[in-house]
Amino acid sequence: MPDTPKLNSELDDPNMPTSVFMAQPQPGLKVSPFAYPLDEFYAQAGRTLPSIQPIAGDQMPEPYRSLLVHSNDMTPTLEKFHRQKVYLNVLGRHQRDDFYFREVILLLDETEEPAEFGAIKINLALFPSGARRAILEERLPLGHILDQHQIIHSSRPKAFFHVEADSFIMTALQLPDSRQLYGRRNSLMDPVQRSLAEIVEILPPTPHPARSQR
């Protein structure tokens, strides 16, 4: 059996609401219901967060609806669509106690095109030691680590949104100009409803369906 780290009393209580695990943002930071933890990276860098507007899942255009409006992990969803593996490029990270934050791009393995930009907060205390090491090595996307270590979890999208790409997102996603992009705010939960990760996932402009059908 994998070793299970000792948890504090709040995390041991399966009845605690998800908001408990969203707590502990940077002191003084106003948490957005759609942008956390991406808004924390923006605040730390002194960047102004672009406007993020909620959208109903059934109002999202294709192919974004198929890529975002579901309860599956994003890594295998993107890999299935593009028929390529994705790899991790970490733009920034920080850690507070057992909470590990990183701002990332997922890149397609063959073409090296961006498949996703986002930010994630991971509760390392809820992962076995081997998975924690893999997370901190920053080589594999979390979706691969969850699969490789057979970590039982569920994906719980909390919101869908559209956002006008600012200069930082344009650079991350290799965009020549600003575009309206689509994304989601997602939680990964363990079997007793503790939050393994809180994630903001933003996709680049309309992916290339023709390429995905090679």
Protein backbone atom coordinates (compact mmCIF):
# COMPACT_ATOMS: atom_id res chain seq x y z
CA MET A 1 0.00 0.00 0.00
CA PRO A 2 1.30 3.52 -0.74
CA ASP A 3 2.18 5.54 2.30
CA THR A 4 -0.45 8.09 3.26
CA PRO A 5 0.77 11.33 4.83
CA LYS A 6 -0.68 12.51 8.10
CA LEU A 7 -3.42 15.07 7.51
CA ASN A 8 -4.57 17.91 9.68
CA SER A 9 -8.00 17.77 11.31
CA GLU A 10 -9.73 19.96 8.71
CA LEU A 11 -8.54 17.82 5.82
CA ASP A 12 -9.51 14.65 7.66
CA ASP A 13 -13.14 15.75 7.85
CA PRO A 14 -14.97 14.59 4.69
CA ASN A 15 -17.92 16.85 5.57
CA MET A 16 -15.93 20.03 5.21
CA PRO A 17 -17.06 22.06 2.16
CA THR A 18 -14.85 22.44 -0.89
CA SER A 19 -14.34 26.10 -0.04
CA VAL A 20 -12.13 25.02 2.88
CA PHE A 21 -9.59 23.65 0.44
CA MET A 22 -9.77 26.80 -1.70
CA ALA A 23 -8.77 28.76 1.36
CA GLN A 24 -5.28 30.08 2.08
CA PRO A 25 -4.92 32.42 -0.90
CA GLN A 26 -2.17 34.99 -0.71
CA PRO A 27 -3.09 37.34 2.19
CA GLY A 28 -5.06 40.33 0.92
CA LEU A 29 -5.88 38.69 -2.40
CA LYS A 30 -9.51 38.80 -3.49
CA VAL A 31 -10.30 35.32 -4.79
CA SER A 32 -12.30 35.07 -8.00
CA PRO A 33 -14.82 32.22 -8.25
CA PHE A 34 -13.73 31.69 -11.87
CA ALA A 35 -10.04 32.51 -11.86
CA TYR A 36 -8.55 30.99 -8.68
CA PRO A 37 -5.68 30.10 -8.54
CA LEU A 38 -4.76 31.93 -11.76
CA ASP A 39 -5.64 35.25 -10.14
CA GLU A 40 -3.05 34.62 -7.44
CA PHE A 41 -0.26 34.38 -10.01
CA TYR A 42 -1.47 37.59 -11.65
CA ALA A 43 -1.52 39.40 -8.31
CA GLN A 44 1.97 38.24 -7.40
CA ALA A 45 3.33 39.36 -10.78
CA GLY A 46 1.52 42.71 -10.62
CA ARG A 47 -0.50 41.90 -13.74
CA THR A 48 -4.14 42.94 -14.16
CA LEU A 49 -6.38 39.92 -14.58
CA PRO A 50 -8.36 40.06 -17.83
CA SER A 51 -12.13 40.05 -17.57
CA ILE A 52 -13.47 36.53 -17.11
CA GLN A 53 -17.17 36.13 -17.81
CA PRO A 54 -19.24 33.05 -16.93
CA ILE A 55 -21.00 31.14 -19.68
CA ALA A 56 -23.42 28.24 -19.48
CA GLY A 57 -21.91 25.00 -20.66
CA ASP A 58 -24.61 24.49 -23.27
CA GLN A 59 -23.90 27.98 -24.66
CA MET A 60 -20.25 27.21 -25.36
CA PRO A 61 -19.47 26.71 -29.06
CA GLU A 62 -17.87 23.58 -30.42
CA PRO A 63 -15.27 22.20 -30.24
CA TYR A 64 -14.82 23.85 -26.84
CA ARG A 65 -18.01 22.37 -25.47
CA SER A 66 -16.76 18.83 -26.15
CA LEU A 67 -13.33 19.67 -24.75
CA LEU A 68 -14.49 21.44 -21.59
CA VAL A 69 -18.06 20.58 -20.65
CA HIS A 70 -17.62 17.14 -19.12
CA SER A 71 -16.39 15.50 -15.94
CA ASN A 72 -13.26 13.93 -17.42
CA ASP A 73 -9.64 14.83 -16.81
CA MET A 74 -8.34 17.40 -19.28
CA THR A 75 -5.03 15.71 -20.14
CA PRO A 76 -6.51 12.56 -21.74
CA THR A 77 -9.30 14.65 -23.30
CA LEU A 78 -6.77 16.86 -25.10
CA GLU A 79 -4.63 13.91 -26.11
CA LYS A 80 -7.60 12.09 -27.58
CA PHE A 81 -8.69 15.17 -29.54
CA HIS A 82 -5.25 16.02 -30.92
CA ARG A 83 -4.06 12.42 -31.18
CA GLN A 84 -0.81 13.50 -29.61
CA LYS A 85 0.61 13.28 -26.13
CA VAL A 86 1.01 16.51 -24.19
CA TYR A 87 3.90 17.57 -22.02
CA LEU A 88 4.29 20.13 -19.27
CA ASN A 89 5.96 23.54 -19.43
CA VAL A 90 5.94 25.31 -16.05
CA LEU A 91 5.91 29.11 -16.24
CA GLY A 92 5.89 29.76 -12.51
CA ARG A 93 5.43 28.05 -9.18
CA HIS A 94 5.31 28.61 -5.45
CA GLN A 95 4.48 26.56 -2.39
CA ARG A 96 2.85 27.29 0.96
CA ASP A 97 3.00 24.39 3.37
CA ASP A 98 1.48 21.39 1.55
CA PHE A 99 -0.16 23.55 -1.11
CA TYR A 100 1.81 23.65 -4.36
CA PHE A 101 0.83 26.18 -7.04
CA ARG A 102 2.00 26.33 -10.62
CA GLU A 103 1.18 28.25 -13.80
CA VAL A 104 1.60 26.04 -16.86
CA ILE A 105 1.27 25.41 -20.56
CA LEU A 106 0.46 21.96 -21.94
CA LEU A 107 2.26 21.50 -25.25
CA LEU A 108 1.60 18.91 -27.95
CA ASP A 109 4.46 16.42 -28.09
CA GLU A 110 4.86 16.25 -31.87
CA THR A 111 4.10 19.80 -33.00
CA GLU A 112 4.99 21.66 -29.76
CA GLU A 113 1.86 23.78 -30.17
CA PRO A 114 0.10 24.94 -27.01
CA ALA A 115 -2.96 22.85 -26.13
CA GLU A 116 -3.82 24.59 -22.86
CA PHE A 117 -2.78 27.41 -20.55
CA GLY A 118 -3.75 27.42 -16.91
CA ALA A 119 -2.96 27.39 -13.23
CA ILE A 120 -3.32 24.72 -10.58
CA LYS A 121 -3.24 24.44 -6.81
CA ILE A 122 -2.35 20.92 -5.62
CA ASN A 123 -2.77 19.63 -2.06
CA LEU A 124 0.38 17.53 -1.78
CA ALA A 125 -0.75 16.13 1.58
CA LEU A 126 -3.40 14.04 -0.17
CA PHE A 127 -0.96 12.28 -2.53
CA PRO A 128 1.24 9.22 -1.82
CA SER A 129 4.97 9.93 -1.70
CA GLY A 130 5.76 8.65 -5.21
CA ALA A 131 3.09 10.86 -6.76
CA ARG A 132 4.27 13.86 -4.71
CA ARG A 133 7.80 13.40 -6.04
CA ALA A 134 6.51 13.17 -9.61
CA ILE A 135 4.46 16.35 -9.17
CA LEU A 136 7.43 18.30 -7.80
CA GLU A 137 9.72 17.01 -10.59
CA GLU A 138 7.54 19.02 -13.00
CA ARG A 139 8.00 16.65 -15.91
CA LEU A 140 4.54 15.08 -16.26
CA PRO A 141 1.10 16.69 -16.37
CA LEU A 142 -0.99 15.89 -13.31
CA GLY A 143 -3.33 13.78 -15.44
CA HIS A 144 -0.50 11.40 -16.29
CA ILE A 145 0.55 11.16 -12.64
CA LEU A 146 -2.99 10.40 -11.48
CA ASP A 147 -3.17 7.61 -14.06
CA GLN A 148 0.28 6.16 -13.44
CA HIS A 149 -0.20 6.05 -9.66
CA GLN A 150 -3.81 4.85 -9.96
CA ILE A 151 -5.12 7.64 -7.76
CA ILE A 152 -8.89 7.42 -7.51
CA HIS A 153 -10.50 10.79 -8.07
CA SER A 154 -13.39 12.60 -9.73
CA SER A 155 -13.44 15.74 -11.84
CA ARG A 156 -15.96 18.40 -10.79
CA PRO A 157 -16.22 21.42 -13.12
CA LYS A 158 -17.46 24.43 -11.14
CA ALA A 159 -17.78 27.05 -13.87
CA PHE A 160 -17.28 27.66 -17.56
CA PHE A 161 -16.21 31.04 -18.91
CA HIS A 162 -14.86 33.10 -21.77
CA VAL A 163 -11.93 35.46 -21.47
CA GLU A 164 -10.26 38.01 -23.75
CA ALA A 165 -6.61 37.01 -24.02
CA ASP A 166 -4.22 39.58 -22.58
CA SER A 167 -0.57 39.92 -23.58
CA PHE A 168 0.57 37.29 -21.09
CA ILE A 169 -1.93 34.67 -22.29
CA MET A 170 -1.21 35.62 -25.91
CA THR A 171 2.48 34.89 -25.34
CA ALA A 172 1.78 31.65 -23.49
CA LEU A 173 -0.52 30.36 -26.24
CA GLN A 174 1.57 31.79 -29.10
CA LEU A 175 -1.24 34.05 -30.34
CA PRO A 176 -0.51 36.93 -32.76
CA ASP A 177 -3.35 39.02 -31.35
CA SER A 178 -6.01 39.01 -28.67
CA ARG A 179 -8.84 36.48 -29.03
CA GLN A 180 -11.86 35.43 -27.04
CA LEU A 181 -10.90 32.15 -25.40
CA TYR A 182 -12.88 29.57 -23.48
CA GLY A 183 -12.05 27.77 -20.28
CA ARG A 184 -13.30 26.16 -17.11
CA ARG A 185 -12.72 26.17 -13.38
CA ASN A 186 -12.37 22.57 -12.20
CA SER A 187 -11.81 20.63 -8.98
CA LEU A 188 -10.31 17.17 -8.63
CA MET A 189 -11.76 15.38 -5.61
CA ASP A 190 -10.67 12.24 -3.77
CA PRO A 191 -13.18 9.50 -2.78
CA VAL A 192 -14.10 11.29 0.47
CA GLN A 193 -14.60 14.62 -1.31
CA ARG A 194 -11.35 16.31 -0.33
CA SER A 195 -9.88 18.61 -2.96
CA LEU A 196 -6.78 17.14 -4.59
CA ALA A 197 -6.45 20.10 -6.94
CA GLU A 198 -8.14 23.33 -7.98
CA ILE A 199 -7.56 24.20 -11.63
CA VAL A 200 -8.17 26.92 -14.19
CA GLU A 201 -7.94 25.57 -17.75
CA ILE A 202 -7.95 27.88 -20.79
CA LEU A 203 -7.82 26.56 -24.35
CA PRO A 204 -6.23 28.27 -27.37
CA PRO A 205 -8.36 29.44 -30.31
CA THR A 206 -10.36 26.82 -32.15
CA PRO A 207 -8.20 23.70 -32.24
CA HIS A 208 -7.61 22.07 -35.60
CA PRO A 209 -10.15 19.26 -36.02
CA ALA A 210 -8.54 18.21 -39.28
CA ARG A 211 -5.22 17.70 -37.54
CA SER A 212 -6.92 15.75 -34.77
CA GLN A 213 -8.30 13.30 -37.32
CA ARG A 214 -4.92 12.32 -38.79
